[in-house]
Amino acid sequence: MGLILKAKGQNQPLENNRLEPVLMFHNPTATHIALWFKAKFPDSLYFVDDLIADPSVGDGLSASKRRFSKQQVWEAPPIGFLKLNVDGAMVSNGSKGGIGGIVRNNLGVCLVTFSLPIGPGPPIMAELEAIFHGLSVFSSNHGFKKFRLILETDCSVAFEWISNSTPCPTAFEPLVRRCRDIIASFSVVFRHVPREINMAADSLAKEGIG
């Protein structure tokens, strides 16, 4: 089921496409091509938004499929994008937690990191706090204004709540709504990724616990 949101000052829709857990603005023609490519080459490591941003990345596909692998690895974003990976961690008794995040450019160069303690609560609160803090870091940095953001989390529950694919408990609605507002306002590409892709943010979150 696709999700369509409206961004402030934008006329184009924000959709959660059917092939990947991605929330993004798109050009319809480019999106159709990207979806066809992913259907034809399902093992490709290219995400749909990578193909929409630069369709030429698929030009080098050969019979040997040298560019493609089933190995799950972090990949740098396309030119014109930054990628933010975030994670939250909580001790087993829920008495304290930490959040962490890392922003990298298309060369894989680290531009910003954060690693902070948070108070007690359930693990999902740490995940939501990490997402919100990461979005706030991006939206408040004037040097990032010329870039679009790809935000990656390995927390499927947080992703589903923010993308509105599953109901969010009332207690978490204010924080989830703030995350949605920033995502819509800045045309953020929001995706869920496997844990092994998110290890750098995981380490920062654990450091934040102290």
N, C-alpha and C. Protein backbone atom coordinates (compact mmCIF):
# COMPACT_ATOMS: atom_id res chain seq x y z
N MET A 1 0.85 -1.19 0.00
CA MET A 1 0.00 0.00 0.00
C MET A 1 0.89 1.24 0.00
N GLY A 2 0.70 2.13 -0.98
CA GLY A 2 1.56 3.30 -1.08
C GLY A 2 1.11 4.40 -0.14
N LEU A 3 2.08 5.16 0.34
CA LEU A 3 1.79 6.29 1.21
C LEU A 3 2.06 7.55 0.44
N ILE A 4 1.11 8.49 0.40
CA ILE A 4 1.30 9.76 -0.30
C ILE A 4 1.16 10.88 0.71
N LEU A 5 2.22 11.68 0.84
CA LEU A 5 2.21 12.84 1.72
C LEU A 5 2.46 14.07 0.88
N LYS A 6 2.10 15.22 1.39
CA LYS A 6 2.38 16.49 0.71
C LYS A 6 3.43 17.26 1.50
N ALA A 7 4.44 17.75 0.81
CA ALA A 7 5.47 18.57 1.45
C ALA A 7 5.09 20.02 1.35
N LYS A 8 5.55 20.79 2.31
CA LYS A 8 5.26 22.22 2.32
C LYS A 8 5.92 22.88 1.12
N GLY A 9 5.11 23.58 0.33
CA GLY A 9 5.66 24.31 -0.79
C GLY A 9 6.00 23.43 -1.96
N GLN A 10 5.57 22.17 -1.97
CA GLN A 10 5.88 21.26 -3.05
C GLN A 10 4.59 20.80 -3.71
N ASN A 11 4.62 20.57 -5.02
CA ASN A 11 3.47 20.10 -5.74
C ASN A 11 3.52 18.61 -6.04
N GLN A 12 4.72 18.02 -5.91
CA GLN A 12 4.85 16.61 -6.22
C GLN A 12 4.65 15.77 -4.98
N PRO A 13 4.12 14.52 -5.16
CA PRO A 13 3.83 13.66 -4.01
C PRO A 13 5.03 12.98 -3.46
N LEU A 14 4.89 12.60 -2.21
CA LEU A 14 5.92 11.84 -1.51
C LEU A 14 5.38 10.43 -1.37
N GLU A 15 6.05 9.41 -1.94
CA GLU A 15 5.48 8.08 -1.96
C GLU A 15 6.38 7.05 -1.35
N ASN A 16 5.77 6.07 -0.71
CA ASN A 16 6.47 4.88 -0.24
C ASN A 16 6.27 3.83 -1.31
N ASN A 17 7.28 3.61 -2.18
CA ASN A 17 7.06 2.73 -3.32
C ASN A 17 6.94 1.28 -2.87
N ARG A 18 6.48 0.41 -3.78
CA ARG A 18 6.12 -0.95 -3.44
C ARG A 18 7.32 -1.87 -3.35
N LEU A 19 8.46 -1.50 -3.93
CA LEU A 19 9.58 -2.42 -3.97
C LEU A 19 10.55 -2.23 -2.83
N GLU A 20 10.62 -1.05 -2.26
CA GLU A 20 11.59 -0.81 -1.22
C GLU A 20 10.99 0.08 -0.15
N PRO A 21 11.45 -0.04 1.11
CA PRO A 21 10.93 0.81 2.18
C PRO A 21 11.53 2.19 2.09
N VAL A 22 11.03 3.00 1.14
CA VAL A 22 11.61 4.30 0.88
C VAL A 22 10.49 5.33 0.84
N LEU A 23 10.72 6.49 1.43
CA LEU A 23 9.78 7.59 1.43
C LEU A 23 10.44 8.72 0.65
N MET A 24 9.86 9.16 -0.48
CA MET A 24 10.62 10.09 -1.31
C MET A 24 9.73 10.87 -2.27
N PHE A 25 10.23 12.02 -2.75
CA PHE A 25 9.65 12.75 -3.85
C PHE A 25 10.16 12.14 -5.14
N HIS A 26 9.40 12.23 -6.22
CA HIS A 26 9.87 11.59 -7.43
C HIS A 26 9.33 12.26 -8.67
N ASN A 27 10.02 12.01 -9.78
CA ASN A 27 9.53 12.31 -11.10
C ASN A 27 8.84 11.05 -11.60
N PRO A 28 7.57 11.09 -12.02
CA PRO A 28 6.85 9.86 -12.36
C PRO A 28 7.55 9.01 -13.40
N THR A 29 8.07 9.64 -14.48
CA THR A 29 8.72 8.87 -15.53
C THR A 29 9.97 8.17 -15.00
N ALA A 30 10.81 8.93 -14.28
CA ALA A 30 12.02 8.35 -13.72
C ALA A 30 11.69 7.23 -12.74
N THR A 31 10.63 7.40 -11.98
CA THR A 31 10.23 6.38 -11.01
C THR A 31 9.82 5.09 -11.71
N HIS A 32 9.04 5.20 -12.80
CA HIS A 32 8.61 4.01 -13.52
C HIS A 32 9.80 3.23 -14.06
N ILE A 33 10.79 3.95 -14.58
CA ILE A 33 11.99 3.30 -15.10
C ILE A 33 12.74 2.61 -13.97
N ALA A 34 12.87 3.31 -12.84
CA ALA A 34 13.60 2.74 -11.70
C ALA A 34 12.91 1.50 -11.16
N LEU A 35 11.58 1.53 -11.08
CA LEU A 35 10.85 0.37 -10.60
C LEU A 35 10.98 -0.82 -11.55
N TRP A 36 10.98 -0.54 -12.86
CA TRP A 36 11.18 -1.61 -13.84
C TRP A 36 12.56 -2.23 -13.66
N PHE A 37 13.57 -1.39 -13.48
CA PHE A 37 14.94 -1.88 -13.32
C PHE A 37 15.04 -2.78 -12.10
N LYS A 38 14.45 -2.36 -10.97
CA LYS A 38 14.52 -3.17 -9.75
C LYS A 38 13.76 -4.48 -9.89
N ALA A 39 12.67 -4.46 -10.67
CA ALA A 39 11.93 -5.70 -10.89
C ALA A 39 12.72 -6.67 -11.76
N LYS A 40 13.47 -6.13 -12.73
CA LYS A 40 14.25 -6.97 -13.65
C LYS A 40 15.52 -7.47 -12.99
N PHE A 41 16.13 -6.64 -12.12
CA PHE A 41 17.38 -7.00 -11.46
C PHE A 41 17.20 -6.91 -9.94
N PRO A 42 16.45 -7.83 -9.34
CA PRO A 42 16.13 -7.73 -7.91
C PRO A 42 17.33 -7.85 -6.99
N ASP A 43 18.45 -8.42 -7.47
CA ASP A 43 19.64 -8.57 -6.62
C ASP A 43 20.52 -7.33 -6.63
N SER A 44 20.12 -6.33 -7.40
CA SER A 44 20.92 -5.11 -7.49
C SER A 44 21.00 -4.42 -6.13
N LEU A 45 22.18 -3.89 -5.80
CA LEU A 45 22.33 -3.13 -4.56
C LEU A 45 21.85 -1.69 -4.72
N TYR A 46 21.54 -1.26 -5.96
CA TYR A 46 21.04 0.09 -6.14
C TYR A 46 19.63 0.18 -5.60
N PHE A 47 19.36 1.24 -4.81
CA PHE A 47 18.02 1.50 -4.34
C PHE A 47 17.26 2.29 -5.40
N VAL A 48 15.93 2.29 -5.30
CA VAL A 48 15.12 2.98 -6.29
C VAL A 48 15.46 4.45 -6.37
N ASP A 49 15.69 5.10 -5.20
CA ASP A 49 15.99 6.53 -5.24
C ASP A 49 17.35 6.81 -5.86
N ASP A 50 18.32 5.86 -5.76
CA ASP A 50 19.60 6.02 -6.45
C ASP A 50 19.37 6.09 -7.95
N LEU A 51 18.51 5.20 -8.46
CA LEU A 51 18.24 5.14 -9.89
C LEU A 51 17.46 6.35 -10.38
N ILE A 52 16.56 6.86 -9.52
CA ILE A 52 15.81 8.06 -9.90
C ILE A 52 16.75 9.27 -9.96
N ALA A 53 17.65 9.36 -8.98
CA ALA A 53 18.57 10.50 -8.93
C ALA A 53 19.54 10.47 -10.10
N ASP A 54 19.98 9.28 -10.51
CA ASP A 54 20.95 9.16 -11.60
C ASP A 54 20.72 7.84 -12.33
N PRO A 55 19.84 7.80 -13.33
CA PRO A 55 19.54 6.55 -14.03
C PRO A 55 20.75 5.90 -14.67
N SER A 56 21.80 6.67 -14.93
CA SER A 56 22.97 6.12 -15.61
C SER A 56 23.71 5.10 -14.76
N VAL A 57 23.42 5.03 -13.45
CA VAL A 57 24.14 4.06 -12.63
C VAL A 57 23.85 2.64 -13.06
N GLY A 58 22.72 2.43 -13.76
CA GLY A 58 22.38 1.08 -14.21
C GLY A 58 22.95 0.73 -15.57
N ASP A 59 23.62 1.70 -16.23
CA ASP A 59 24.09 1.47 -17.59
C ASP A 59 25.17 0.41 -17.68
N GLY A 60 25.92 0.24 -16.60
CA GLY A 60 27.06 -0.67 -16.67
C GLY A 60 26.72 -2.11 -16.38
N LEU A 61 25.43 -2.45 -16.26
CA LEU A 61 25.07 -3.82 -15.95
C LEU A 61 25.51 -4.73 -17.09
N SER A 62 26.23 -5.80 -16.77
CA SER A 62 26.70 -6.76 -17.76
C SER A 62 26.28 -8.15 -17.36
N ALA A 63 26.56 -9.09 -18.22
CA ALA A 63 26.17 -10.47 -17.93
C ALA A 63 26.84 -10.98 -16.66
N SER A 64 28.02 -10.46 -16.38
CA SER A 64 28.75 -10.90 -15.19
C SER A 64 28.19 -10.27 -13.92
N LYS A 65 27.37 -9.22 -14.08
CA LYS A 65 26.78 -8.50 -12.95
C LYS A 65 27.86 -8.09 -11.95
N ARG A 66 28.91 -7.51 -12.45
CA ARG A 66 30.02 -7.14 -11.58
C ARG A 66 29.63 -6.12 -10.54
N ARG A 67 28.66 -5.28 -10.84
CA ARG A 67 28.29 -4.22 -9.91
C ARG A 67 27.33 -4.70 -8.83
N PHE A 68 26.85 -5.93 -8.93
CA PHE A 68 25.78 -6.36 -8.05
C PHE A 68 26.22 -7.51 -7.16
N SER A 69 25.70 -7.50 -5.96
CA SER A 69 26.05 -8.53 -4.98
C SER A 69 24.95 -8.61 -3.95
N LYS A 70 24.76 -9.79 -3.37
CA LYS A 70 23.77 -9.95 -2.31
C LYS A 70 24.34 -9.56 -0.96
N GLN A 71 25.63 -9.26 -0.91
CA GLN A 71 26.24 -8.86 0.35
C GLN A 71 25.66 -7.53 0.81
N GLN A 72 25.31 -7.45 2.08
CA GLN A 72 24.72 -6.25 2.64
C GLN A 72 25.83 -5.32 3.14
N VAL A 73 26.07 -4.23 2.45
CA VAL A 73 27.11 -3.29 2.83
C VAL A 73 26.57 -1.87 2.72
N TRP A 74 27.14 -0.97 3.54
CA TRP A 74 26.76 0.44 3.44
C TRP A 74 27.27 0.98 2.11
N GLU A 75 26.46 1.79 1.44
CA GLU A 75 26.86 2.41 0.18
C GLU A 75 26.71 3.92 0.27
N ALA A 76 27.66 4.62 -0.32
CA ALA A 76 27.60 6.08 -0.35
C ALA A 76 26.40 6.54 -1.17
N PRO A 77 25.83 7.69 -0.84
CA PRO A 77 24.68 8.20 -1.59
C PRO A 77 25.09 8.76 -2.94
N PRO A 78 24.13 9.00 -3.84
CA PRO A 78 24.44 9.63 -5.13
C PRO A 78 24.92 11.07 -4.94
N ILE A 79 25.53 11.62 -5.97
CA ILE A 79 25.93 13.03 -5.95
C ILE A 79 24.69 13.89 -5.72
N GLY A 80 24.82 14.89 -4.86
CA GLY A 80 23.69 15.76 -4.55
C GLY A 80 22.91 15.33 -3.33
N PHE A 81 23.30 14.17 -2.77
CA PHE A 81 22.64 13.65 -1.58
C PHE A 81 23.65 13.51 -0.45
N LEU A 82 23.15 13.54 0.77
CA LEU A 82 23.89 13.12 1.95
C LEU A 82 23.15 11.94 2.54
N LYS A 83 23.87 11.08 3.24
CA LYS A 83 23.22 9.94 3.88
C LYS A 83 23.44 10.01 5.39
N LEU A 84 22.35 9.88 6.12
CA LEU A 84 22.36 9.90 7.58
C LEU A 84 21.92 8.54 8.10
N ASN A 85 22.78 7.88 8.83
CA ASN A 85 22.43 6.63 9.51
C ASN A 85 22.27 6.92 10.99
N VAL A 86 21.19 6.44 11.58
CA VAL A 86 20.92 6.69 13.00
C VAL A 86 20.57 5.39 13.71
N ASP A 87 20.77 5.39 15.02
CA ASP A 87 20.39 4.23 15.83
C ASP A 87 20.20 4.67 17.27
N GLY A 88 19.41 3.88 17.99
CA GLY A 88 19.21 4.11 19.42
C GLY A 88 19.51 2.85 20.18
N ALA A 89 19.94 2.99 21.43
CA ALA A 89 20.27 1.83 22.27
C ALA A 89 19.78 2.11 23.69
N MET A 90 19.37 1.05 24.37
CA MET A 90 18.88 1.17 25.74
C MET A 90 19.40 -0.01 26.55
N VAL A 91 19.81 0.23 27.79
CA VAL A 91 20.26 -0.87 28.64
C VAL A 91 19.06 -1.78 28.93
N SER A 92 19.35 -3.01 29.35
CA SER A 92 18.31 -4.03 29.45
C SER A 92 17.17 -3.66 30.41
N ASN A 93 17.48 -2.92 31.47
CA ASN A 93 16.41 -2.56 32.42
C ASN A 93 15.72 -1.24 32.07
N GLY A 94 16.12 -0.63 30.95
CA GLY A 94 15.48 0.59 30.48
C GLY A 94 15.78 1.83 31.29
N SER A 95 16.81 1.78 32.13
CA SER A 95 17.11 2.92 33.01
C SER A 95 17.84 4.06 32.30
N LYS A 96 18.52 3.77 31.22
CA LYS A 96 19.22 4.80 30.46
C LYS A 96 19.51 4.29 29.06
N GLY A 97 19.73 5.25 28.16
CA GLY A 97 19.98 4.87 26.78
C GLY A 97 20.90 5.85 26.09
N GLY A 98 21.12 5.61 24.81
CA GLY A 98 21.97 6.49 24.02
C GLY A 98 21.47 6.54 22.59
N ILE A 99 21.79 7.61 21.89
CA ILE A 99 21.46 7.74 20.48
C ILE A 99 22.72 8.11 19.72
N GLY A 100 22.79 7.69 18.48
CA GLY A 100 23.96 8.00 17.67
C GLY A 100 23.58 8.16 16.21
N GLY A 101 24.41 8.91 15.49
CA GLY A 101 24.17 9.11 14.06
C GLY A 101 25.41 9.60 13.35
N ILE A 102 25.44 9.36 12.05
CA ILE A 102 26.58 9.78 11.24
C ILE A 102 26.09 10.23 9.87
N VAL A 103 26.56 11.40 9.44
CA VAL A 103 26.23 11.95 8.13
C VAL A 103 27.45 11.82 7.23
N ARG A 104 27.26 11.20 6.06
CA ARG A 104 28.35 11.03 5.10
C ARG A 104 27.92 11.50 3.71
N ASN A 105 28.92 11.91 2.92
CA ASN A 105 28.62 12.42 1.58
C ASN A 105 28.79 11.33 0.52
N ASN A 106 28.72 11.71 -0.75
CA ASN A 106 28.78 10.74 -1.83
C ASN A 106 30.15 10.07 -1.97
N LEU A 107 31.16 10.60 -1.30
CA LEU A 107 32.48 9.99 -1.30
C LEU A 107 32.67 9.09 -0.08
N GLY A 108 31.65 9.03 0.78
CA GLY A 108 31.75 8.24 1.99
C GLY A 108 32.46 8.97 3.12
N VAL A 109 32.73 10.27 2.93
CA VAL A 109 33.43 11.07 3.94
C VAL A 109 32.45 11.45 5.05
N CYS A 110 32.87 11.24 6.29
CA CYS A 110 32.05 11.61 7.44
C CYS A 110 32.05 13.13 7.62
N LEU A 111 30.86 13.72 7.67
CA LEU A 111 30.73 15.17 7.85
C LEU A 111 30.32 15.53 9.27
N VAL A 112 29.47 14.74 9.87
CA VAL A 112 28.96 15.01 11.22
C VAL A 112 28.67 13.68 11.91
N THR A 113 28.96 13.63 13.21
CA THR A 113 28.51 12.50 14.02
C THR A 113 27.89 13.05 15.31
N PHE A 114 27.04 12.26 15.92
CA PHE A 114 26.56 12.59 17.26
C PHE A 114 26.43 11.30 18.06
N SER A 115 26.67 11.41 19.34
CA SER A 115 26.59 10.29 20.28
C SER A 115 26.20 10.88 21.63
N LEU A 116 24.94 10.68 22.02
CA LEU A 116 24.40 11.39 23.18
C LEU A 116 23.65 10.44 24.10
N PRO A 117 23.66 10.75 25.42
CA PRO A 117 22.85 9.96 26.36
C PRO A 117 21.41 10.44 26.36
N ILE A 118 20.50 9.54 26.66
CA ILE A 118 19.10 9.93 26.86
C ILE A 118 18.62 9.27 28.14
N GLY A 119 17.47 9.67 28.61
CA GLY A 119 16.94 9.16 29.86
C GLY A 119 16.32 7.78 29.73
N PRO A 120 15.63 7.34 30.75
CA PRO A 120 15.02 6.01 30.75
C PRO A 120 13.83 5.92 29.80
N GLY A 121 13.50 4.69 29.44
CA GLY A 121 12.36 4.48 28.58
C GLY A 121 12.46 3.17 27.82
N PRO A 122 11.48 2.86 27.00
CA PRO A 122 11.52 1.65 26.18
C PRO A 122 12.50 1.82 25.03
N PRO A 123 13.00 0.73 24.46
CA PRO A 123 13.96 0.83 23.35
C PRO A 123 13.46 1.65 22.16
N ILE A 124 12.15 1.55 21.85
CA ILE A 124 11.63 2.28 20.70
C ILE A 124 11.77 3.79 20.88
N MET A 125 11.74 4.27 22.11
CA MET A 125 11.92 5.70 22.35
C MET A 125 13.31 6.14 21.93
N ALA A 126 14.31 5.32 22.22
CA ALA A 126 15.67 5.64 21.81
C ALA A 126 15.77 5.71 20.29
N GLU A 127 15.11 4.79 19.60
CA GLU A 127 15.14 4.78 18.13
C GLU A 127 14.49 6.05 17.57
N LEU A 128 13.35 6.43 18.11
CA LEU A 128 12.66 7.63 17.64
C LEU A 128 13.44 8.89 17.95
N GLU A 129 14.04 8.94 19.15
CA GLU A 129 14.87 10.10 19.51
C GLU A 129 16.06 10.22 18.57
N ALA A 130 16.66 9.10 18.19
CA ALA A 130 17.80 9.14 17.28
C ALA A 130 17.39 9.68 15.91
N ILE A 131 16.25 9.23 15.42
CA ILE A 131 15.76 9.72 14.12
C ILE A 131 15.47 11.21 14.18
N PHE A 132 14.77 11.63 15.23
CA PHE A 132 14.42 13.06 15.34
C PHE A 132 15.66 13.92 15.49
N HIS A 133 16.61 13.49 16.32
CA HIS A 133 17.82 14.30 16.51
C HIS A 133 18.61 14.38 15.20
N GLY A 134 18.71 13.26 14.49
CA GLY A 134 19.44 13.28 13.22
C GLY A 134 18.79 14.21 12.22
N LEU A 135 17.47 14.17 12.14
CA LEU A 135 16.76 15.09 11.23
C LEU A 135 16.97 16.54 11.64
N SER A 136 17.00 16.80 12.94
CA SER A 136 17.22 18.16 13.42
C SER A 136 18.63 18.65 13.09
N VAL A 137 19.62 17.77 13.22
CA VAL A 137 21.00 18.12 12.86
C VAL A 137 21.06 18.51 11.40
N PHE A 138 20.44 17.73 10.54
CA PHE A 138 20.46 18.03 9.11
C PHE A 138 19.72 19.33 8.80
N SER A 139 18.51 19.48 9.32
CA SER A 139 17.69 20.64 8.97
C SER A 139 18.24 21.95 9.51
N SER A 140 19.05 21.89 10.56
CA SER A 140 19.58 23.13 11.14
C SER A 140 20.97 23.49 10.62
N ASN A 141 21.57 22.65 9.79
CA ASN A 141 22.92 22.90 9.28
C ASN A 141 22.82 23.61 7.93
N HIS A 142 23.23 24.88 7.90
CA HIS A 142 23.11 25.67 6.67
C HIS A 142 23.99 25.11 5.55
N GLY A 143 25.06 24.44 5.88
CA GLY A 143 25.93 23.87 4.86
C GLY A 143 25.30 22.69 4.14
N PHE A 144 24.22 22.15 4.70
CA PHE A 144 23.56 21.01 4.09
C PHE A 144 22.38 21.40 3.20
N LYS A 145 22.06 22.68 3.12
CA LYS A 145 20.84 23.12 2.45
C LYS A 145 20.80 22.73 0.97
N LYS A 146 21.96 22.64 0.31
CA LYS A 146 21.97 22.34 -1.12
C LYS A 146 21.87 20.84 -1.40
N PHE A 147 21.80 20.03 -0.36
CA PHE A 147 21.73 18.59 -0.52
C PHE A 147 20.36 18.04 -0.13
N ARG A 148 20.00 16.91 -0.73
CA ARG A 148 18.88 16.13 -0.22
C ARG A 148 19.43 15.07 0.72
N LEU A 149 18.59 14.60 1.60
CA LEU A 149 19.03 13.66 2.62
C LEU A 149 18.40 12.28 2.42
N ILE A 150 19.22 11.26 2.58
CA ILE A 150 18.75 9.89 2.70
C ILE A 150 18.94 9.49 4.16
N LEU A 151 17.87 9.14 4.82
CA LEU A 151 17.92 8.74 6.23
C LEU A 151 17.69 7.24 6.34
N GLU A 152 18.61 6.54 6.99
CA GLU A 152 18.51 5.09 7.15
C GLU A 152 18.43 4.70 8.62
N THR A 153 17.50 3.81 8.93
CA THR A 153 17.35 3.25 10.27
C THR A 153 17.18 1.75 10.15
N ASP A 154 17.64 1.01 11.16
CA ASP A 154 17.43 -0.44 11.13
C ASP A 154 16.25 -0.85 12.01
N CYS A 155 15.51 0.13 12.51
CA CYS A 155 14.36 -0.15 13.37
C CYS A 155 13.08 -0.18 12.52
N SER A 156 12.55 -1.37 12.27
CA SER A 156 11.37 -1.50 11.41
C SER A 156 10.13 -0.86 12.05
N VAL A 157 10.01 -0.94 13.36
CA VAL A 157 8.83 -0.36 14.04
C VAL A 157 8.81 1.16 13.87
N ALA A 158 9.95 1.80 14.13
CA ALA A 158 10.02 3.25 13.97
C ALA A 158 9.75 3.65 12.52
N PHE A 159 10.30 2.89 11.59
CA PHE A 159 10.07 3.19 10.18
C PHE A 159 8.58 3.09 9.84
N GLU A 160 7.94 2.02 10.31
CA GLU A 160 6.52 1.82 9.99
C GLU A 160 5.64 2.90 10.63
N TRP A 161 5.96 3.30 11.86
CA TRP A 161 5.18 4.35 12.49
C TRP A 161 5.32 5.67 11.75
N ILE A 162 6.55 6.04 11.43
CA ILE A 162 6.78 7.34 10.79
C ILE A 162 6.24 7.34 9.36
N SER A 163 6.35 6.22 8.68
CA SER A 163 5.81 6.15 7.31
C SER A 163 4.31 5.90 7.31
N ASN A 164 3.74 5.75 8.51
CA ASN A 164 2.30 5.62 8.69
C ASN A 164 1.74 4.33 8.10
N SER A 165 2.59 3.30 8.01
CA SER A 165 2.12 2.02 7.49
C SER A 165 1.51 1.15 8.58
N THR A 166 1.81 1.47 9.84
CA THR A 166 1.14 0.82 10.96
C THR A 166 0.79 1.89 12.00
N PRO A 167 -0.27 1.69 12.77
CA PRO A 167 -0.69 2.70 13.76
C PRO A 167 0.38 2.93 14.83
N CYS A 168 0.48 4.19 15.24
CA CYS A 168 1.43 4.56 16.28
C CYS A 168 0.69 4.76 17.60
N PRO A 169 1.19 4.19 18.70
CA PRO A 169 0.55 4.41 20.00
C PRO A 169 0.52 5.90 20.34
N THR A 170 -0.52 6.30 21.03
CA THR A 170 -0.74 7.72 21.34
C THR A 170 0.46 8.36 22.05
N ALA A 171 1.12 7.62 22.92
CA ALA A 171 2.23 8.17 23.69
C ALA A 171 3.39 8.62 22.81
N PHE A 172 3.52 8.04 21.62
CA PHE A 172 4.65 8.37 20.75
C PHE A 172 4.26 9.30 19.60
N GLU A 173 2.98 9.62 19.49
CA GLU A 173 2.50 10.42 18.36
C GLU A 173 3.19 11.77 18.21
N PRO A 174 3.40 12.56 19.29
CA PRO A 174 4.04 13.87 19.10
C PRO A 174 5.43 13.77 18.47
N LEU A 175 6.24 12.83 18.92
CA LEU A 175 7.59 12.68 18.38
C LEU A 175 7.55 12.16 16.95
N VAL A 176 6.68 11.20 16.69
CA VAL A 176 6.53 10.67 15.34
C VAL A 176 6.08 11.76 14.38
N ARG A 177 5.15 12.61 14.82
CA ARG A 177 4.65 13.69 13.97
C ARG A 177 5.74 14.70 13.64
N ARG A 178 6.59 14.99 14.61
CA ARG A 178 7.69 15.93 14.35
C ARG A 178 8.67 15.36 13.33
N CYS A 179 8.91 14.07 13.41
CA CYS A 179 9.79 13.43 12.42
C CYS A 179 9.16 13.51 11.03
N ARG A 180 7.87 13.23 10.95
CA ARG A 180 7.18 13.29 9.65
C ARG A 180 7.25 14.69 9.05
N ASP A 181 7.08 15.71 9.89
CA ASP A 181 7.09 17.09 9.40
C ASP A 181 8.43 17.44 8.75
N ILE A 182 9.52 17.05 9.40
CA ILE A 182 10.84 17.37 8.85
C ILE A 182 11.08 16.58 7.56
N ILE A 183 10.69 15.31 7.56
CA ILE A 183 10.85 14.48 6.37
C ILE A 183 10.13 15.09 5.18
N ALA A 184 8.90 15.54 5.39
CA ALA A 184 8.12 16.15 4.32
C ALA A 184 8.69 17.50 3.90
N SER A 185 9.09 18.32 4.86
CA SER A 185 9.58 19.67 4.57
C SER A 185 10.87 19.66 3.77
N PHE A 186 11.73 18.67 4.01
CA PHE A 186 13.03 18.63 3.36
C PHE A 186 13.16 17.51 2.32
N SER A 187 12.03 16.96 1.90
CA SER A 187 12.04 15.91 0.86
C SER A 187 13.02 14.79 1.21
N VAL A 188 13.01 14.36 2.45
CA VAL A 188 13.95 13.34 2.91
C VAL A 188 13.55 11.96 2.38
N VAL A 189 14.52 11.22 1.90
CA VAL A 189 14.33 9.83 1.51
C VAL A 189 14.52 8.99 2.77
N PHE A 190 13.48 8.30 3.18
CA PHE A 190 13.49 7.56 4.44
C PHE A 190 13.40 6.08 4.15
N ARG A 191 14.35 5.31 4.66
CA ARG A 191 14.35 3.88 4.35
C ARG A 191 14.75 3.03 5.56
N HIS A 192 14.27 1.82 5.55
CA HIS A 192 14.66 0.82 6.54
C HIS A 192 15.72 -0.07 5.93
N VAL A 193 16.81 -0.31 6.68
CA VAL A 193 17.93 -1.11 6.18
C VAL A 193 18.28 -2.20 7.18
N PRO A 194 18.96 -3.26 6.72
CA PRO A 194 19.42 -4.31 7.64
C PRO A 194 20.41 -3.75 8.66
N ARG A 195 20.48 -4.41 9.79
CA ARG A 195 21.34 -3.96 10.88
C ARG A 195 22.80 -3.85 10.47
N GLU A 196 23.27 -4.79 9.64
CA GLU A 196 24.69 -4.77 9.28
C GLU A 196 25.08 -3.54 8.48
N ILE A 197 24.13 -2.89 7.84
CA ILE A 197 24.42 -1.66 7.11
C ILE A 197 24.55 -0.48 8.08
N ASN A 198 24.01 -0.64 9.27
CA ASN A 198 23.89 0.48 10.21
C ASN A 198 24.86 0.39 11.38
N MET A 199 25.95 -0.34 11.23
CA MET A 199 26.84 -0.61 12.36
C MET A 199 27.54 0.64 12.91
N ALA A 200 27.87 1.58 12.04
CA ALA A 200 28.55 2.80 12.52
C ALA A 200 27.65 3.57 13.47
N ALA A 201 26.36 3.71 13.11
CA ALA A 201 25.42 4.41 13.98
C ALA A 201 25.16 3.61 15.26
N ASP A 202 25.13 2.29 15.14
CA ASP A 202 24.93 1.43 16.31
C ASP A 202 26.03 1.64 17.34
N SER A 203 27.27 1.71 16.87
CA SER A 203 28.41 1.93 17.78
C SER A 203 28.32 3.28 18.48
N LEU A 204 27.90 4.32 17.74
CA LEU A 204 27.77 5.64 18.32
C LEU A 204 26.65 5.69 19.37
N ALA A 205 25.56 4.97 19.10
CA ALA A 205 24.46 4.93 20.06
C ALA A 205 24.89 4.26 21.36
N LYS A 206 25.63 3.18 21.27
CA LYS A 206 26.10 2.47 22.46
C LYS A 206 27.11 3.32 23.23
N GLU A 207 27.94 4.07 22.51
CA GLU A 207 28.86 5.00 23.19
C GLU A 207 28.10 6.07 23.95
N GLY A 208 26.95 6.46 23.40
CA GLY A 208 26.17 7.51 24.03
C GLY A 208 25.58 7.12 25.36
N ILE A 209 25.40 5.83 25.58
CA ILE A 209 24.85 5.37 26.87
C ILE A 209 25.76 5.78 28.02
N GLY A 210 27.08 5.73 27.77
CA GLY A 210 28.07 6.13 28.78
C GLY A 210 28.35 5.06 29.80
